Amino acid sequence: MSFDLSLEEGILLVKLARSAVEEYLKNGKRIKAPDETPEKLLQPCGVFVTINKVVDDGKELRGCIGYPYPSSPLIEAVIDSAISSATGDPRFPPLSKKELDSIVFEVSVLTPPMMVEVEKPTDYPSKIRVGRDGLIIERGFYKGLLLPQVPVEWGWNEEEFLCQCCLKAGLPPDCWLMKGTKVYTFQAIIFEEESPKGKVKRRVLDVKT
C-alpha cells in the first residue's frame, strides 16, 4: 500500500484511542485532537478501533466499531471510533470505568475498499488472501465487514472468510456465490497495546500463501 504510518504515529493513535475512552467514561466529554497532530493524520482515512479484554488464555472481543471509508480526518475518526467501540457496540454492554485496566486497544487504519472483479463467483477465493485482505460483502441493503486479522485469529481459509463475512452482513453463508453480491477487499495498518496501558507495537499478520 502506498500510504503508511510510522511506529510513532501508530503509538499516538493507540494512546489517543485510550485517552478518548478514559475521558468519555470518566467525564462524559469528547477529547479534542492534539494541537501538534502530524499532517498525515489529518488525511481522511478509514479506521476501526478494537477493544479486547485480557483474559487468562488470551483476549476476548469487547467492542469494535469504525469507518470503512475515508470520510473523516484519521485523527478525528480514531476518537469517534474509540468512544463508539467502548459505548455503542450493540453486541456488548457499554464499557465500565473499572474495566479500563484490563483491556487493550487496537487501531486498524484502512486502505480504501476496492471491488473484486471476477468472471464467476467461484473465482472469489483465488482473488483474496488471508492475512493481507479485509473483506466487505454487500448485497442490497445488507453489508458486512471483517478486518484482515479476523480470519487469521480464527484460522479460516478464504472460502470460510467469505462465508463468515456474509453471516456478518446478516446473509446466508453462501451468499457470495449469488449473482448481485458485491465483494470488496482492503488492507490495514495495525497497531496494538501489548498489555493494558502498555507498550504499543505494530502488528504484522501471517499472510497465507
N, C-alpha and C. Protein backbone atom coordinates (compact mmCIF):
# COMPACT_ATOMS: atom_id res chain seq x y z
N MET A 1 0.86 -1.19 0.00
CA MET A 1 0.00 0.00 0.00
C MET A 1 0.89 1.24 0.00
N SER A 2 0.44 2.28 -0.68
CA SER A 2 1.25 3.50 -0.80
C SER A 2 1.24 4.31 0.50
N PHE A 3 0.13 4.30 1.20
CA PHE A 3 0.00 5.02 2.46
C PHE A 3 0.61 4.18 3.58
N ASP A 4 1.42 4.78 4.42
CA ASP A 4 1.99 4.04 5.53
C ASP A 4 2.08 4.95 6.75
N LEU A 5 2.28 4.34 7.91
CA LEU A 5 2.40 5.08 9.16
C LEU A 5 3.64 4.59 9.90
N SER A 6 4.31 5.50 10.57
CA SER A 6 5.46 5.13 11.39
C SER A 6 4.98 4.56 12.72
N LEU A 7 5.88 3.91 13.44
CA LEU A 7 5.54 3.40 14.76
C LEU A 7 5.13 4.54 15.68
N GLU A 8 5.82 5.68 15.59
CA GLU A 8 5.48 6.84 16.43
C GLU A 8 4.05 7.31 16.16
N GLU A 9 3.67 7.33 14.90
CA GLU A 9 2.29 7.74 14.55
C GLU A 9 1.29 6.71 15.06
N GLY A 10 1.64 5.44 14.97
CA GLY A 10 0.76 4.40 15.49
C GLY A 10 0.60 4.48 17.00
N ILE A 11 1.70 4.75 17.69
CA ILE A 11 1.64 4.91 19.15
C ILE A 11 0.71 6.07 19.51
N LEU A 12 0.83 7.17 18.77
CA LEU A 12 -0.03 8.33 19.02
C LEU A 12 -1.51 7.95 18.87
N LEU A 13 -1.83 7.20 17.82
CA LEU A 13 -3.23 6.85 17.57
C LEU A 13 -3.79 5.91 18.64
N VAL A 14 -3.00 4.92 19.05
CA VAL A 14 -3.47 3.98 20.07
C VAL A 14 -3.64 4.69 21.42
N LYS A 15 -2.69 5.51 21.77
CA LYS A 15 -2.81 6.25 23.04
C LYS A 15 -3.98 7.23 23.00
N LEU A 16 -4.22 7.81 21.82
CA LEU A 16 -5.35 8.71 21.65
C LEU A 16 -6.67 7.96 21.83
N ALA A 17 -6.74 6.73 21.29
CA ALA A 17 -7.96 5.92 21.45
C ALA A 17 -8.24 5.65 22.92
N ARG A 18 -7.20 5.27 23.65
CA ARG A 18 -7.39 5.01 25.09
C ARG A 18 -7.78 6.29 25.83
N SER A 19 -7.10 7.39 25.54
CA SER A 19 -7.41 8.65 26.21
C SER A 19 -8.84 9.09 25.94
N ALA A 20 -9.30 8.88 24.70
CA ALA A 20 -10.67 9.27 24.34
C ALA A 20 -11.69 8.50 25.16
N VAL A 21 -11.45 7.21 25.32
CA VAL A 21 -12.38 6.37 26.08
C VAL A 21 -12.32 6.70 27.56
N GLU A 22 -11.12 6.88 28.09
CA GLU A 22 -10.99 7.20 29.52
C GLU A 22 -11.69 8.51 29.86
N GLU A 23 -11.48 9.53 29.03
CA GLU A 23 -12.10 10.83 29.28
C GLU A 23 -13.62 10.75 29.16
N TYR A 24 -14.08 10.00 28.17
CA TYR A 24 -15.54 9.90 27.96
C TYR A 24 -16.21 9.14 29.11
N LEU A 25 -15.58 8.06 29.56
CA LEU A 25 -16.18 7.28 30.65
C LEU A 25 -16.13 8.02 31.98
N LYS A 26 -15.07 8.78 32.20
CA LYS A 26 -14.91 9.47 33.49
C LYS A 26 -15.67 10.79 33.56
N ASN A 27 -15.71 11.52 32.43
CA ASN A 27 -16.28 12.88 32.46
C ASN A 27 -17.38 13.12 31.42
N GLY A 28 -17.65 12.13 30.57
CA GLY A 28 -18.69 12.28 29.57
C GLY A 28 -18.35 13.28 28.47
N LYS A 29 -17.05 13.54 28.27
CA LYS A 29 -16.64 14.53 27.29
C LYS A 29 -15.79 13.89 26.18
N ARG A 30 -15.92 14.45 24.98
CA ARG A 30 -15.12 14.01 23.84
C ARG A 30 -13.84 14.84 23.79
N ILE A 31 -12.70 14.18 23.81
CA ILE A 31 -11.44 14.93 23.77
C ILE A 31 -11.24 15.55 22.39
N LYS A 32 -10.38 16.55 22.34
CA LYS A 32 -10.05 17.18 21.07
C LYS A 32 -8.74 16.60 20.54
N ALA A 33 -8.58 16.65 19.23
CA ALA A 33 -7.33 16.18 18.63
C ALA A 33 -6.18 17.05 19.12
N PRO A 34 -5.00 16.45 19.32
CA PRO A 34 -3.84 17.24 19.78
C PRO A 34 -3.51 18.38 18.81
N ASP A 35 -3.07 19.50 19.35
CA ASP A 35 -2.73 20.66 18.52
C ASP A 35 -1.59 20.34 17.55
N GLU A 36 -0.66 19.51 18.00
CA GLU A 36 0.51 19.20 17.18
C GLU A 36 0.34 17.91 16.38
N THR A 37 -0.87 17.66 15.91
CA THR A 37 -1.14 16.46 15.12
C THR A 37 -0.37 16.49 13.80
N PRO A 38 0.39 15.42 13.47
CA PRO A 38 1.10 15.38 12.19
C PRO A 38 0.12 15.51 11.01
N GLU A 39 0.57 16.17 9.96
CA GLU A 39 -0.26 16.41 8.78
C GLU A 39 -0.86 15.12 8.22
N LYS A 40 -0.07 14.06 8.25
CA LYS A 40 -0.54 12.78 7.69
C LYS A 40 -1.80 12.27 8.40
N LEU A 41 -1.89 12.54 9.71
CA LEU A 41 -3.02 12.04 10.49
C LEU A 41 -4.27 12.89 10.33
N LEU A 42 -4.15 13.98 9.57
CA LEU A 42 -5.31 14.82 9.27
C LEU A 42 -5.97 14.42 7.95
N GLN A 43 -5.34 13.48 7.22
CA GLN A 43 -5.91 13.00 5.97
C GLN A 43 -7.12 12.11 6.26
N PRO A 44 -8.14 12.17 5.40
CA PRO A 44 -9.28 11.25 5.57
C PRO A 44 -8.82 9.80 5.41
N CYS A 45 -9.25 8.95 6.34
CA CYS A 45 -8.87 7.54 6.30
C CYS A 45 -9.95 6.71 6.96
N GLY A 46 -10.16 5.51 6.44
CA GLY A 46 -10.99 4.54 7.15
C GLY A 46 -10.21 4.00 8.33
N VAL A 47 -10.90 3.71 9.41
CA VAL A 47 -10.22 3.19 10.60
C VAL A 47 -11.21 2.44 11.48
N PHE A 48 -10.73 1.40 12.15
CA PHE A 48 -11.51 0.69 13.16
C PHE A 48 -10.71 0.66 14.45
N VAL A 49 -11.41 0.84 15.56
CA VAL A 49 -10.80 0.68 16.88
C VAL A 49 -11.41 -0.56 17.53
N THR A 50 -10.53 -1.49 17.86
CA THR A 50 -10.94 -2.73 18.52
C THR A 50 -10.51 -2.69 19.97
N ILE A 51 -11.42 -3.06 20.86
CA ILE A 51 -11.11 -3.15 22.29
C ILE A 51 -11.22 -4.62 22.68
N ASN A 52 -10.14 -5.16 23.23
CA ASN A 52 -10.12 -6.55 23.68
C ASN A 52 -9.91 -6.61 25.18
N LYS A 53 -10.61 -7.53 25.82
CA LYS A 53 -10.42 -7.76 27.25
C LYS A 53 -9.36 -8.85 27.43
N VAL A 54 -8.37 -8.58 28.29
CA VAL A 54 -7.32 -9.55 28.56
C VAL A 54 -7.85 -10.60 29.54
N VAL A 55 -7.79 -11.86 29.13
CA VAL A 55 -8.22 -12.97 29.98
C VAL A 55 -7.06 -13.96 30.10
N ASP A 56 -7.24 -14.96 30.96
CA ASP A 56 -6.14 -15.90 31.25
C ASP A 56 -5.56 -16.55 30.01
N ASP A 57 -6.43 -16.97 29.08
CA ASP A 57 -5.95 -17.72 27.92
C ASP A 57 -5.84 -16.85 26.66
N GLY A 58 -5.80 -15.52 26.84
CA GLY A 58 -5.66 -14.66 25.66
C GLY A 58 -6.51 -13.41 25.76
N LYS A 59 -7.30 -13.17 24.70
CA LYS A 59 -8.10 -11.95 24.64
C LYS A 59 -9.52 -12.28 24.19
N GLU A 60 -10.46 -11.47 24.66
CA GLU A 60 -11.85 -11.58 24.25
C GLU A 60 -12.31 -10.24 23.70
N LEU A 61 -13.00 -10.26 22.59
CA LEU A 61 -13.51 -9.03 21.99
C LEU A 61 -14.46 -8.32 22.95
N ARG A 62 -14.26 -7.01 23.09
CA ARG A 62 -15.11 -6.20 23.98
C ARG A 62 -15.82 -5.07 23.23
N GLY A 63 -15.38 -4.83 21.98
CA GLY A 63 -16.02 -3.80 21.17
C GLY A 63 -15.19 -3.53 19.92
N CYS A 64 -15.85 -3.26 18.81
CA CYS A 64 -15.13 -2.94 17.58
C CYS A 64 -16.05 -2.17 16.64
N ILE A 65 -15.73 -0.91 16.42
CA ILE A 65 -16.53 -0.05 15.55
C ILE A 65 -15.58 0.89 14.80
N GLY A 66 -15.97 1.30 13.60
CA GLY A 66 -15.12 2.21 12.86
C GLY A 66 -15.75 2.72 11.60
N TYR A 67 -14.91 3.29 10.76
CA TYR A 67 -15.31 3.89 9.49
C TYR A 67 -14.67 3.10 8.34
N PRO A 68 -15.46 2.39 7.53
CA PRO A 68 -14.87 1.62 6.43
C PRO A 68 -14.26 2.50 5.35
N TYR A 69 -14.80 3.70 5.18
CA TYR A 69 -14.37 4.56 4.08
C TYR A 69 -13.70 5.83 4.62
N PRO A 70 -12.83 6.44 3.82
CA PRO A 70 -12.12 7.66 4.25
C PRO A 70 -13.02 8.89 4.23
N SER A 71 -13.92 8.98 5.22
CA SER A 71 -14.91 10.05 5.26
C SER A 71 -14.57 11.16 6.24
N SER A 72 -13.60 10.91 7.14
CA SER A 72 -13.22 11.90 8.16
C SER A 72 -11.71 11.91 8.33
N PRO A 73 -11.14 13.03 8.82
CA PRO A 73 -9.71 13.03 9.14
C PRO A 73 -9.38 11.87 10.09
N LEU A 74 -8.29 11.18 9.85
CA LEU A 74 -7.95 9.99 10.61
C LEU A 74 -7.96 10.24 12.11
N ILE A 75 -7.38 11.32 12.55
CA ILE A 75 -7.28 11.61 13.97
C ILE A 75 -8.65 11.74 14.62
N GLU A 76 -9.61 12.37 13.90
CA GLU A 76 -10.97 12.52 14.42
C GLU A 76 -11.72 11.20 14.38
N ALA A 77 -11.48 10.42 13.32
CA ALA A 77 -12.15 9.13 13.18
C ALA A 77 -11.72 8.17 14.28
N VAL A 78 -10.46 8.25 14.71
CA VAL A 78 -9.99 7.39 15.80
C VAL A 78 -10.70 7.74 17.11
N ILE A 79 -10.82 9.03 17.38
CA ILE A 79 -11.51 9.46 18.61
C ILE A 79 -12.96 8.96 18.61
N ASP A 80 -13.67 9.21 17.51
CA ASP A 80 -15.08 8.81 17.42
C ASP A 80 -15.23 7.28 17.49
N SER A 81 -14.35 6.56 16.77
CA SER A 81 -14.46 5.10 16.74
C SER A 81 -14.16 4.49 18.10
N ALA A 82 -13.19 5.06 18.81
CA ALA A 82 -12.84 4.54 20.13
C ALA A 82 -14.02 4.67 21.10
N ILE A 83 -14.63 5.84 21.11
CA ILE A 83 -15.78 6.06 22.00
C ILE A 83 -16.95 5.15 21.63
N SER A 84 -17.20 5.04 20.31
CA SER A 84 -18.30 4.18 19.85
C SER A 84 -18.03 2.72 20.16
N SER A 85 -16.78 2.30 20.00
CA SER A 85 -16.43 0.92 20.30
C SER A 85 -16.63 0.59 21.77
N ALA A 86 -16.35 1.57 22.63
CA ALA A 86 -16.49 1.36 24.08
C ALA A 86 -17.92 1.44 24.56
N THR A 87 -18.72 2.25 23.88
CA THR A 87 -20.07 2.52 24.42
C THR A 87 -21.22 2.19 23.49
N GLY A 88 -20.92 1.96 22.20
CA GLY A 88 -22.02 1.82 21.24
C GLY A 88 -22.07 0.55 20.44
N ASP A 89 -21.18 -0.43 20.74
CA ASP A 89 -21.24 -1.70 20.01
C ASP A 89 -22.44 -2.49 20.52
N PRO A 90 -23.43 -2.75 19.65
CA PRO A 90 -24.67 -3.39 20.13
C PRO A 90 -24.48 -4.83 20.62
N ARG A 91 -23.32 -5.41 20.34
CA ARG A 91 -23.07 -6.79 20.79
C ARG A 91 -22.67 -6.87 22.25
N PHE A 92 -22.31 -5.72 22.85
CA PHE A 92 -21.77 -5.73 24.21
C PHE A 92 -22.39 -4.60 25.03
N PRO A 93 -22.42 -4.77 26.37
CA PRO A 93 -22.82 -3.64 27.21
C PRO A 93 -21.73 -2.57 27.18
N PRO A 94 -22.08 -1.32 27.47
CA PRO A 94 -21.06 -0.27 27.48
C PRO A 94 -19.93 -0.59 28.44
N LEU A 95 -18.73 -0.21 28.06
CA LEU A 95 -17.55 -0.42 28.90
C LEU A 95 -17.71 0.37 30.21
N SER A 96 -17.24 -0.21 31.30
CA SER A 96 -17.27 0.48 32.59
C SER A 96 -15.87 1.00 32.93
N LYS A 97 -15.82 1.98 33.81
CA LYS A 97 -14.52 2.56 34.21
C LYS A 97 -13.61 1.51 34.85
N LYS A 98 -14.19 0.57 35.58
CA LYS A 98 -13.37 -0.43 36.27
C LYS A 98 -12.70 -1.40 35.30
N GLU A 99 -13.17 -1.43 34.04
CA GLU A 99 -12.57 -2.32 33.05
C GLU A 99 -11.35 -1.72 32.35
N LEU A 100 -11.09 -0.44 32.56
CA LEU A 100 -10.04 0.25 31.81
C LEU A 100 -8.65 -0.34 32.03
N ASP A 101 -8.44 -0.98 33.19
CA ASP A 101 -7.12 -1.57 33.48
C ASP A 101 -6.99 -3.00 33.00
N SER A 102 -8.04 -3.54 32.36
CA SER A 102 -7.99 -4.94 31.91
C SER A 102 -8.27 -5.08 30.41
N ILE A 103 -8.19 -3.95 29.68
CA ILE A 103 -8.44 -4.00 28.24
C ILE A 103 -7.24 -3.47 27.46
N VAL A 104 -7.14 -3.90 26.21
CA VAL A 104 -6.10 -3.39 25.31
C VAL A 104 -6.78 -2.82 24.07
N PHE A 105 -6.15 -1.79 23.52
CA PHE A 105 -6.68 -1.10 22.35
C PHE A 105 -5.89 -1.49 21.10
N GLU A 106 -6.62 -1.61 19.99
CA GLU A 106 -6.02 -1.92 18.70
C GLU A 106 -6.62 -0.97 17.66
N VAL A 107 -5.76 -0.32 16.89
CA VAL A 107 -6.21 0.62 15.86
C VAL A 107 -5.81 0.08 14.49
N SER A 108 -6.79 -0.09 13.61
CA SER A 108 -6.55 -0.59 12.25
C SER A 108 -6.88 0.53 11.27
N VAL A 109 -5.87 1.04 10.59
CA VAL A 109 -6.06 2.11 9.60
C VAL A 109 -6.20 1.45 8.22
N LEU A 110 -7.29 1.76 7.53
CA LEU A 110 -7.66 1.02 6.32
C LEU A 110 -7.32 1.75 5.03
N THR A 111 -6.99 0.96 4.02
CA THR A 111 -6.93 1.49 2.66
C THR A 111 -8.36 1.56 2.13
N PRO A 112 -8.63 2.40 1.12
CA PRO A 112 -9.99 2.46 0.55
C PRO A 112 -10.39 1.11 -0.03
N PRO A 113 -11.61 0.63 0.27
CA PRO A 113 -12.07 -0.65 -0.27
C PRO A 113 -12.13 -0.63 -1.80
N MET A 114 -11.74 -1.75 -2.41
CA MET A 114 -11.76 -1.91 -3.86
C MET A 114 -12.64 -3.11 -4.21
N MET A 115 -13.53 -2.93 -5.18
CA MET A 115 -14.38 -4.04 -5.59
C MET A 115 -13.55 -5.12 -6.29
N VAL A 116 -13.82 -6.37 -5.94
CA VAL A 116 -13.13 -7.50 -6.56
C VAL A 116 -13.87 -7.89 -7.84
N GLU A 117 -13.17 -7.86 -8.95
CA GLU A 117 -13.77 -8.20 -10.24
C GLU A 117 -13.47 -9.67 -10.57
N VAL A 118 -14.51 -10.44 -10.86
CA VAL A 118 -14.35 -11.84 -11.24
C VAL A 118 -15.25 -12.18 -12.41
N GLU A 119 -14.88 -13.20 -13.15
CA GLU A 119 -15.74 -13.67 -14.24
C GLU A 119 -16.89 -14.48 -13.70
N LYS A 120 -16.64 -15.24 -12.63
CA LYS A 120 -17.69 -16.03 -11.98
C LYS A 120 -17.43 -16.05 -10.49
N PRO A 121 -18.49 -16.12 -9.65
CA PRO A 121 -18.32 -16.02 -8.20
C PRO A 121 -17.36 -17.05 -7.60
N THR A 122 -17.25 -18.23 -8.22
CA THR A 122 -16.35 -19.25 -7.66
C THR A 122 -14.88 -18.83 -7.72
N ASP A 123 -14.60 -17.74 -8.45
CA ASP A 123 -13.23 -17.23 -8.53
C ASP A 123 -12.84 -16.37 -7.32
N TYR A 124 -13.82 -15.97 -6.50
CA TYR A 124 -13.50 -15.06 -5.40
C TYR A 124 -12.40 -15.56 -4.46
N PRO A 125 -12.42 -16.84 -4.04
CA PRO A 125 -11.36 -17.27 -3.11
C PRO A 125 -9.95 -17.09 -3.66
N SER A 126 -9.78 -17.19 -4.97
CA SER A 126 -8.44 -17.04 -5.55
C SER A 126 -8.03 -15.58 -5.66
N LYS A 127 -8.97 -14.67 -5.45
CA LYS A 127 -8.69 -13.23 -5.58
C LYS A 127 -8.41 -12.56 -4.24
N ILE A 128 -8.61 -13.29 -3.15
CA ILE A 128 -8.35 -12.70 -1.84
C ILE A 128 -7.29 -13.53 -1.12
N ARG A 129 -6.68 -12.95 -0.10
CA ARG A 129 -5.63 -13.65 0.63
C ARG A 129 -5.77 -13.39 2.12
N VAL A 130 -5.90 -14.47 2.86
CA VAL A 130 -5.99 -14.38 4.32
C VAL A 130 -4.67 -13.84 4.87
N GLY A 131 -4.78 -12.87 5.77
CA GLY A 131 -3.61 -12.24 6.37
C GLY A 131 -3.22 -10.94 5.68
N ARG A 132 -3.71 -10.74 4.46
CA ARG A 132 -3.46 -9.49 3.74
C ARG A 132 -4.73 -8.66 3.63
N ASP A 133 -5.84 -9.31 3.30
CA ASP A 133 -7.07 -8.59 2.96
C ASP A 133 -8.10 -8.60 4.07
N GLY A 134 -8.82 -7.47 4.18
CA GLY A 134 -10.07 -7.43 4.89
C GLY A 134 -11.17 -7.55 3.85
N LEU A 135 -12.39 -7.86 4.29
CA LEU A 135 -13.50 -8.06 3.34
C LEU A 135 -14.71 -7.22 3.69
N ILE A 136 -15.39 -6.77 2.65
CA ILE A 136 -16.73 -6.20 2.78
C ILE A 136 -17.63 -6.96 1.81
N ILE A 137 -18.72 -7.49 2.31
CA ILE A 137 -19.74 -8.14 1.47
C ILE A 137 -20.95 -7.24 1.45
N GLU A 138 -21.48 -7.00 0.26
CA GLU A 138 -22.62 -6.09 0.11
C GLU A 138 -23.66 -6.72 -0.82
N ARG A 139 -24.89 -6.73 -0.35
CA ARG A 139 -26.00 -7.21 -1.17
C ARG A 139 -27.26 -6.44 -0.78
N GLY A 140 -27.73 -5.62 -1.70
CA GLY A 140 -28.88 -4.78 -1.38
C GLY A 140 -28.56 -3.86 -0.21
N PHE A 141 -29.42 -3.90 0.80
CA PHE A 141 -29.22 -3.07 1.98
C PHE A 141 -28.31 -3.74 3.01
N TYR A 142 -27.91 -4.96 2.75
CA TYR A 142 -27.09 -5.72 3.71
C TYR A 142 -25.61 -5.49 3.44
N LYS A 143 -24.85 -5.31 4.51
CA LYS A 143 -23.42 -5.09 4.36
C LYS A 143 -22.69 -5.61 5.60
N GLY A 144 -21.61 -6.34 5.38
CA GLY A 144 -20.80 -6.85 6.49
C GLY A 144 -19.33 -6.61 6.23
N LEU A 145 -18.58 -6.35 7.28
CA LEU A 145 -17.14 -6.10 7.18
C LEU A 145 -16.40 -6.94 8.20
N LEU A 146 -15.27 -7.52 7.77
CA LEU A 146 -14.37 -8.21 8.68
C LEU A 146 -12.95 -7.72 8.41
N LEU A 147 -12.25 -7.37 9.47
CA LEU A 147 -10.87 -6.88 9.36
C LEU A 147 -9.91 -8.00 8.99
N PRO A 148 -8.75 -7.68 8.43
CA PRO A 148 -7.80 -8.71 7.99
C PRO A 148 -7.35 -9.66 9.10
N GLN A 149 -7.31 -9.17 10.35
CA GLN A 149 -6.82 -10.00 11.44
C GLN A 149 -7.82 -11.08 11.86
N VAL A 150 -9.10 -10.91 11.51
CA VAL A 150 -10.14 -11.83 11.99
C VAL A 150 -9.94 -13.26 11.46
N PRO A 151 -9.78 -13.48 10.14
CA PRO A 151 -9.59 -14.86 9.68
C PRO A 151 -8.30 -15.49 10.19
N VAL A 152 -7.28 -14.67 10.44
CA VAL A 152 -6.02 -15.19 10.99
C VAL A 152 -6.26 -15.71 12.40
N GLU A 153 -6.99 -14.92 13.20
CA GLU A 153 -7.26 -15.30 14.59
C GLU A 153 -8.12 -16.56 14.68
N TRP A 154 -9.01 -16.74 13.71
CA TRP A 154 -9.94 -17.88 13.75
C TRP A 154 -9.46 -19.07 12.91
N GLY A 155 -8.38 -18.87 12.16
CA GLY A 155 -7.85 -19.98 11.35
C GLY A 155 -8.69 -20.33 10.14
N TRP A 156 -9.37 -19.32 9.58
CA TRP A 156 -10.21 -19.58 8.41
C TRP A 156 -9.39 -19.59 7.13
N ASN A 157 -9.87 -20.33 6.13
CA ASN A 157 -9.33 -20.19 4.78
C ASN A 157 -10.17 -19.15 4.03
N GLU A 158 -9.87 -18.95 2.75
CA GLU A 158 -10.54 -17.87 2.00
C GLU A 158 -12.05 -18.10 1.88
N GLU A 159 -12.45 -19.35 1.63
CA GLU A 159 -13.88 -19.63 1.50
C GLU A 159 -14.61 -19.41 2.82
N GLU A 160 -14.00 -19.85 3.91
CA GLU A 160 -14.62 -19.63 5.23
C GLU A 160 -14.70 -18.14 5.53
N PHE A 161 -13.68 -17.40 5.14
CA PHE A 161 -13.66 -15.95 5.33
C PHE A 161 -14.85 -15.31 4.61
N LEU A 162 -15.07 -15.69 3.37
CA LEU A 162 -16.19 -15.16 2.59
C LEU A 162 -17.53 -15.53 3.24
N CYS A 163 -17.65 -16.77 3.67
CA CYS A 163 -18.89 -17.22 4.31
C CYS A 163 -19.17 -16.45 5.61
N GLN A 164 -18.14 -16.28 6.42
CA GLN A 164 -18.31 -15.59 7.69
C GLN A 164 -18.65 -14.11 7.48
N CYS A 165 -18.09 -13.52 6.42
CA CYS A 165 -18.42 -12.12 6.14
C CYS A 165 -19.87 -11.98 5.70
N CYS A 166 -20.37 -12.99 4.96
CA CYS A 166 -21.79 -12.99 4.60
C CYS A 166 -22.67 -13.06 5.85
N LEU A 167 -22.29 -13.93 6.78
CA LEU A 167 -23.03 -14.04 8.04
C LEU A 167 -23.00 -12.73 8.81
N LYS A 168 -21.84 -12.06 8.80
CA LYS A 168 -21.72 -10.76 9.48
C LYS A 168 -22.69 -9.75 8.88
N ALA A 169 -22.95 -9.88 7.58
CA ALA A 169 -23.88 -8.98 6.90
C ALA A 169 -25.34 -9.36 7.12
N GLY A 170 -25.57 -10.47 7.80
CA GLY A 170 -26.93 -10.94 8.01
C GLY A 170 -27.48 -11.71 6.83
N LEU A 171 -26.57 -12.26 6.04
CA LEU A 171 -26.93 -13.00 4.83
C LEU A 171 -26.60 -14.48 4.99
N PRO A 172 -27.14 -15.34 4.13
CA PRO A 172 -26.76 -16.75 4.16
C PRO A 172 -25.26 -16.89 3.88
N PRO A 173 -24.59 -17.90 4.45
CA PRO A 173 -23.14 -18.01 4.31
C PRO A 173 -22.65 -18.18 2.87
N ASP A 174 -23.50 -18.73 2.01
CA ASP A 174 -23.08 -18.93 0.62
C ASP A 174 -23.52 -17.78 -0.29
N CYS A 175 -23.89 -16.67 0.29
CA CYS A 175 -24.41 -15.55 -0.50
C CYS A 175 -23.37 -14.97 -1.46
N TRP A 176 -22.09 -15.17 -1.14
CA TRP A 176 -21.05 -14.64 -2.03
C TRP A 176 -21.05 -15.33 -3.39
N LEU A 177 -21.71 -16.48 -3.47
CA LEU A 177 -21.81 -17.21 -4.74
C LEU A 177 -22.99 -16.76 -5.59
N MET A 178 -23.83 -15.90 -5.03
CA MET A 178 -25.05 -15.49 -5.73
C MET A 178 -24.81 -14.25 -6.59
N LYS A 179 -25.43 -14.23 -7.74
CA LYS A 179 -25.32 -13.08 -8.64
C LYS A 179 -25.89 -11.84 -7.94
N GLY A 180 -25.17 -10.72 -8.06
CA GLY A 180 -25.64 -9.48 -7.45
C GLY A 180 -24.97 -9.16 -6.13
N THR A 181 -24.25 -10.12 -5.56
CA THR A 181 -23.49 -9.86 -4.33
C THR A 181 -22.15 -9.21 -4.70
N LYS A 182 -21.81 -8.15 -4.02
CA LYS A 182 -20.55 -7.44 -4.28
C LYS A 182 -19.54 -7.75 -3.18
N VAL A 183 -18.30 -7.96 -3.60
CA VAL A 183 -17.21 -8.27 -2.67
C VAL A 183 -16.12 -7.20 -2.83
N TYR A 184 -15.70 -6.64 -1.71
CA TYR A 184 -14.64 -5.62 -1.71
C TYR A 184 -13.51 -6.11 -0.80
N THR A 185 -12.29 -5.74 -1.15
CA THR A 185 -11.15 -6.00 -0.27
C THR A 185 -10.49 -4.69 0.13
N PHE A 186 -9.79 -4.73 1.25
CA PHE A 186 -9.00 -3.59 1.72
C PHE A 186 -7.85 -4.16 2.55
N GLN A 187 -6.86 -3.34 2.81
CA GLN A 187 -5.76 -3.74 3.68
C GLN A 187 -5.75 -2.83 4.91
N ALA A 188 -4.95 -3.20 5.91
CA ALA A 188 -4.94 -2.42 7.15
C ALA A 188 -3.54 -2.34 7.73
N ILE A 189 -3.23 -1.18 8.30
CA ILE A 189 -2.02 -0.99 9.11
C ILE A 189 -2.50 -1.08 10.56
N ILE A 190 -1.94 -2.02 11.32
CA ILE A 190 -2.49 -2.33 12.64
C ILE A 190 -1.47 -2.03 13.74
N PHE A 191 -1.93 -1.30 14.75
CA PHE A 191 -1.11 -1.05 15.94
C PHE A 191 -1.92 -1.46 17.16
N GLU A 192 -1.23 -2.05 18.16
CA GLU A 192 -1.96 -2.54 19.34
C GLU A 192 -1.11 -2.41 20.60
N GLU A 193 -1.81 -2.32 21.73
CA GLU A 193 -1.16 -2.38 23.03
C GLU A 193 -0.79 -3.83 23.34
N GLU A 194 0.42 -4.05 23.83
CA GLU A 194 0.82 -5.41 24.21
C GLU A 194 0.17 -5.83 25.53
N SER A 195 -0.13 -4.85 26.38
CA SER A 195 -0.80 -5.09 27.66
C SER A 195 -1.59 -3.82 27.99
N PRO A 196 -2.54 -3.89 28.95
CA PRO A 196 -3.30 -2.69 29.28
C PRO A 196 -2.39 -1.51 29.64
N LYS A 197 -2.53 -0.40 28.91
CA LYS A 197 -1.74 0.81 29.09
C LYS A 197 -0.25 0.56 28.85
N GLY A 198 0.06 -0.55 28.15
CA GLY A 198 1.45 -0.94 27.96
C GLY A 198 2.02 -0.48 26.63
N LYS A 199 3.12 -1.09 26.26
CA LYS A 199 3.86 -0.76 25.04
C LYS A 199 2.99 -0.99 23.81
N VAL A 200 3.12 -0.09 22.83
CA VAL A 200 2.37 -0.22 21.58
C VAL A 200 3.30 -0.75 20.50
N LYS A 201 2.84 -1.74 19.77
CA LYS A 201 3.63 -2.32 18.68
C LYS A 201 2.79 -2.37 17.40
N ARG A 202 3.50 -2.47 16.28
CA ARG A 202 2.82 -2.69 15.01
C ARG A 202 2.57 -4.19 14.87
N ARG A 203 1.36 -4.54 14.51
CA ARG A 203 1.01 -5.95 14.38
C ARG A 203 1.16 -6.38 12.92
N VAL A 204 1.95 -7.42 12.70
CA VAL A 204 2.16 -7.95 11.36
C VAL A 204 1.49 -9.32 11.28
N LEU A 205 0.58 -9.48 10.33
CA LEU A 205 -0.15 -10.73 10.18
C LEU A 205 0.61 -11.70 9.30
N ASP A 206 0.44 -12.99 9.58
CA ASP A 206 0.99 -14.02 8.70
C ASP A 206 0.10 -14.13 7.46
N VAL A 207 0.68 -13.86 6.32
CA VAL A 207 -0.09 -13.94 5.07
C VAL A 207 -0.08 -15.37 4.57
N LYS A 208 -1.27 -15.90 4.34
CA LYS A 208 -1.38 -17.28 3.86
C LYS A 208 -0.91 -17.34 2.41
N THR A 209 -0.02 -18.27 2.10
CA THR A 209 0.49 -18.40 0.73
C THR A 209 -0.16 -19.56 0.01
